[in-house]
Amino acid sequence: MKERNFLDTVMEFEKQLESLQSQFHALKEFVALMMEEHQSLEQENHNLRTHLDAIHLAEEELRKQSEEEVKRVSPMDIGEGYDNLARLYQEGFHVCHVHFGSSRKGEDCLFCLSFLNKQNG
């Protein structure tokens, strides 16, 4: 009888080992799937960081270009505006805040001259 009990125990142990092996196989498949997903996410993260870095570089370049453009354009705009006001004054129009745009009728205006001298200085 002991041999029968022993044989039953061995067979039960074999069933447990098969069940454990089945669980281990399922666990291996799950780990493989998780590793694939992890690799995919790492690659996507790398691609997104590369894209983000490119966007930051482009924004920085645009900012630098904008700053350089402001530095270049600002002095020219002031000079051009002064030239336009001086030309209007020579054509016989007021450029002062008191009579701006009205005809000078050939007379000099101290307000206009003072304004043009401030802009020139």
C-alpha atoms as a PDB file:
ATOM      1  CA  MET A   1       0.000   0.000   0.000  1.00  0.00           C
ATOM      2  CA  LYS A   2       2.843   2.330   0.690  1.00  0.00           C
ATOM      3  CA  GLU A   3       4.069   1.911  -2.860  1.00  0.00           C
ATOM      4  CA  ARG A   4       0.640   2.908  -4.195  1.00  0.00           C
ATOM      5  CA  ASN A   5       0.615   5.975  -1.966  1.00  0.00           C
ATOM      6  CA  PHE A   6       4.125   6.820  -3.078  1.00  0.00           C
ATOM      7  CA  LEU A   7       3.166   6.456  -6.756  1.00  0.00           C
ATOM      8  CA  ASP A   8       0.139   8.699  -6.243  1.00  0.00           C
ATOM      9  CA  THR A   9       2.363  11.281  -4.597  1.00  0.00           C
ATOM     10  CA  VAL A  10       4.813  11.177  -7.505  1.00  0.00           C
ATOM     11  CA  MET A  11       1.971  11.536 -10.008  1.00  0.00           C
ATOM     12  CA  GLU A  12       0.502  14.442  -8.066  1.00  0.00           C
ATOM     13  CA  PHE A  13       3.937  16.036  -7.975  1.00  0.00           C
ATOM     14  CA  GLU A  14       4.224  15.560 -11.761  1.00  0.00           C
ATOM     15  CA  LYS A  15       0.853  17.322 -12.261  1.00  0.00           C
ATOM     16  CA  GLN A  16       2.004  20.192 -10.068  1.00  0.00           C
ATOM     17  CA  LEU A  17       5.238  20.451 -12.084  1.00  0.00           C
ATOM     18  CA  GLU A  18       3.285  20.542 -15.358  1.00  0.00           C
ATOM     19  CA  SER A  19       1.004  23.241 -13.948  1.00  0.00           C
ATOM     20  CA  LEU A  20       4.015  25.192 -12.726  1.00  0.00           C
ATOM     21  CA  GLN A  21       5.711  24.789 -16.121  1.00  0.00           C
ATOM     22  CA  SER A  22       2.561  26.072 -17.835  1.00  0.00           C
ATOM     23  CA  GLN A  23       2.458  29.088 -15.514  1.00  0.00           C
ATOM     24  CA  PHE A  24       6.176  29.686 -16.101  1.00  0.00           C
ATOM     25  CA  HIS A  25       5.653  29.572 -19.881  1.00  0.00           C
ATOM     26  CA  ALA A  26       2.795  32.098 -19.616  1.00  0.00           C
ATOM     27  CA  LEU A  27       4.996  34.310 -17.449  1.00  0.00           C
ATOM     28  CA  LYS A  28       7.819  34.125 -20.027  1.00  0.00           C
ATOM     29  CA  GLU A  29       5.412  35.168 -22.802  1.00  0.00           C
ATOM     30  CA  PHE A  30       4.148  38.068 -20.675  1.00  0.00           C
ATOM     31  CA  VAL A  31       7.710  39.237 -19.912  1.00  0.00           C
ATOM     32  CA  ALA A  32       8.624  39.040 -23.611  1.00  0.00           C
ATOM     33  CA  LEU A  33       5.559  41.095 -24.495  1.00  0.00           C
ATOM     34  CA  MET A  34       6.408  43.687 -21.826  1.00  0.00           C
ATOM     35  CA  MET A  35       9.995  43.900 -23.075  1.00  0.00           C
ATOM     36  CA  GLU A  36       8.797  44.498 -26.636  1.00  0.00           C
ATOM     37  CA  GLU A  37       6.412  47.191 -25.441  1.00  0.00           C
ATOM     38  CA  HIS A  38       9.175  48.761 -23.333  1.00  0.00           C
ATOM     39  CA  GLN A  39      11.503  48.840 -26.344  1.00  0.00           C
ATOM     40  CA  SER A  40       8.772  50.360 -28.492  1.00  0.00           C
ATOM     41  CA  LEU A  41       8.072  53.048 -25.884  1.00  0.00           C
ATOM     42  CA  GLU A  42      11.788  53.828 -25.526  1.00  0.00           C
ATOM     43  CA  GLN A  43      12.067  54.281 -29.308  1.00  0.00           C
ATOM     44  CA  GLU A  44       8.978  56.497 -29.397  1.00  0.00           C
ATOM     45  CA  ASN A  45      10.330  58.531 -26.473  1.00  0.00           C
ATOM     46  CA  HIS A  46      13.656  58.956 -28.283  1.00  0.00           C
ATOM     47  CA  ASN A  47      11.880  60.086 -31.461  1.00  0.00           C
ATOM     48  CA  LEU A  48       9.734  62.567 -29.515  1.00  0.00           C
ATOM     49  CA  ARG A  49      12.776  64.000 -27.707  1.00  0.00           C
ATOM     50  CA  THR A  50      14.604  64.381 -31.026  1.00  0.00           C
ATOM     51  CA  HIS A  51      11.587  66.145 -32.502  1.00  0.00           C
ATOM     52  CA  LEU A  52      11.247  68.363 -29.423  1.00  0.00           C
ATOM     53  CA  ASP A  53      14.945  69.285 -29.562  1.00  0.00           C
ATOM     54  CA  ALA A  54      14.555  70.224 -33.231  1.00  0.00           C
ATOM     55  CA  ILE A  55      11.564  72.419 -32.370  1.00  0.00           C
ATOM     56  CA  HIS A  56      13.517  74.117 -29.565  1.00  0.00           C
ATOM     57  CA  LEU A  57      16.445  74.770 -31.913  1.00  0.00           C
ATOM     58  CA  ALA A  58      14.115  76.213 -34.541  1.00  0.00           C
ATOM     59  CA  GLU A  59      12.401  78.438 -31.956  1.00  0.00           C
ATOM     60  CA  GLU A  60      15.785  79.625 -30.669  1.00  0.00           C
ATOM     61  CA  GLU A  61      16.931  80.376 -34.222  1.00  0.00           C
ATOM     62  CA  LEU A  62      13.721  82.317 -34.909  1.00  0.00           C
ATOM     63  CA  ARG A  63      14.152  84.249 -31.673  1.00  0.00           C
ATOM     64  CA  LYS A  64      17.734  85.141 -32.561  1.00  0.00           C
ATOM     65  CA  GLN A  65      16.714  86.169 -36.087  1.00  0.00           C
ATOM     66  CA  SER A  66      13.889  88.261 -34.660  1.00  0.00           C
ATOM     67  CA  GLU A  67      16.246  89.997 -32.217  1.00  0.00           C
ATOM     68  CA  GLU A  68      18.772  90.664 -34.990  1.00  0.00           C
ATOM     69  CA  GLU A  69      16.006  91.960 -37.253  1.00  0.00           C
ATOM     70  CA  VAL A  70      14.764  94.318 -34.542  1.00  0.00           C
ATOM     71  CA  LYS A  71      18.296  95.601 -34.026  1.00  0.00           C
ATOM     72  CA  ARG A  72      18.755  96.092 -37.769  1.00  0.00           C
ATOM     73  CA  VAL A  73      15.341  97.553 -38.542  1.00  0.00           C
ATOM     74  CA  SER A  74      14.850  99.898 -35.594  1.00  0.00           C
ATOM     75  CA  PRO A  75      17.576 102.454 -36.407  1.00  0.00           C
ATOM     76  CA  MET A  76      16.591 102.425 -40.066  1.00  0.00           C
ATOM     77  CA  ASP A  77      12.916 102.984 -39.234  1.00  0.00           C
ATOM     78  CA  ILE A  78      13.742 106.000 -37.055  1.00  0.00           C
ATOM     79  CA  GLY A  79      15.908 107.520 -39.782  1.00  0.00           C
ATOM     80  CA  GLU A  80      13.331 106.818 -42.443  1.00  0.00           C
ATOM     81  CA  GLY A  81      10.546 108.357 -40.338  1.00  0.00           C
ATOM     82  CA  TYR A  82      12.621 111.460 -39.683  1.00  0.00           C
ATOM     83  CA  ASP A  83      13.357 111.766 -43.397  1.00  0.00           C
ATOM     84  CA  ASN A  84       9.654 111.505 -44.203  1.00  0.00           C
ATOM     85  CA  LEU A  85       8.772 114.195 -41.654  1.00  0.00           C
ATOM     86  CA  ALA A  86      11.548 116.482 -42.929  1.00  0.00           C
ATOM     87  CA  ARG A  87      10.316 115.961 -46.499  1.00  0.00           C
ATOM     88  CA  LEU A  88       6.737 116.809 -45.457  1.00  0.00           C
ATOM     89  CA  TYR A  89       7.991 119.954 -43.726  1.00  0.00           C
ATOM     90  CA  GLN A  90       9.925 120.959 -46.876  1.00  0.00           C
ATOM     91  CA  GLU A  91       6.776 120.411 -48.944  1.00  0.00           C
ATOM     92  CA  GLY A  92       4.985 122.971 -46.765  1.00  0.00           C
ATOM     93  CA  PHE A  93       3.156 120.925 -44.125  1.00  0.00           C
ATOM     94  CA  HIS A  94       3.295 121.084 -40.337  1.00  0.00           C
ATOM     95  CA  VAL A  95       4.899 118.108 -38.597  1.00  0.00           C
ATOM     96  CA  CYS A  96       4.476 119.398 -35.049  1.00  0.00           C
ATOM     97  CA  HIS A  97       1.811 118.070 -32.688  1.00  0.00           C
ATOM     98  CA  VAL A  98       0.037 121.438 -32.643  1.00  0.00           C
ATOM     99  CA  HIS A  99      -0.790 121.774 -36.368  1.00  0.00           C
ATOM    100  CA  PHE A 100       0.180 118.372 -37.771  1.00  0.00           C
ATOM    101  CA  GLY A 101      -0.714 117.952 -41.434  1.00  0.00           C
ATOM    102  CA  SER A 102      -2.005 121.451 -42.039  1.00  0.00           C
ATOM    103  CA  SER A 103      -0.383 123.727 -44.633  1.00  0.00           C
ATOM    104  CA  ARG A 104       2.378 126.082 -43.382  1.00  0.00           C
ATOM    105  CA  LYS A 105       1.647 128.660 -46.121  1.00  0.00           C
ATOM    106  CA  GLY A 106       5.379 129.268 -46.616  1.00  0.00           C
ATOM    107  CA  GLU A 107       6.038 130.355 -43.009  1.00  0.00           C
ATOM    108  CA  ASP A 108       8.441 128.568 -40.694  1.00  0.00           C
ATOM    109  CA  CYS A 109       6.959 126.981 -37.568  1.00  0.00           C
ATOM    110  CA  LEU A 110       9.010 127.057 -34.390  1.00  0.00           C
ATOM    111  CA  PHE A 111       7.198 123.945 -33.065  1.00  0.00           C
ATOM    112  CA  CYS A 112       8.031 121.980 -36.236  1.00  0.00           C
ATOM    113  CA  LEU A 113      11.644 123.164 -36.256  1.00  0.00           C
ATOM    114  CA  SER A 114      12.049 122.308 -32.582  1.00  0.00           C
ATOM    115  CA  PHE A 115      10.540 118.867 -33.164  1.00  0.00           C
ATOM    116  CA  LEU A 116      12.783 118.184 -36.155  1.00  0.00           C
ATOM    117  CA  ASN A 117      15.857 119.326 -34.236  1.00  0.00           C
ATOM    118  CA  LYS A 118      14.985 116.939 -31.343  1.00  0.00           C
ATOM    119  CA  GLN A 119      14.618 114.063 -33.768  1.00  0.00           C
ATOM    120  CA  ASN A 120      17.890 114.932 -35.477  1.00  0.00           C
ATOM    121  CA  GLY A 121      19.842 115.228 -32.223  1.00  0.00           C
END
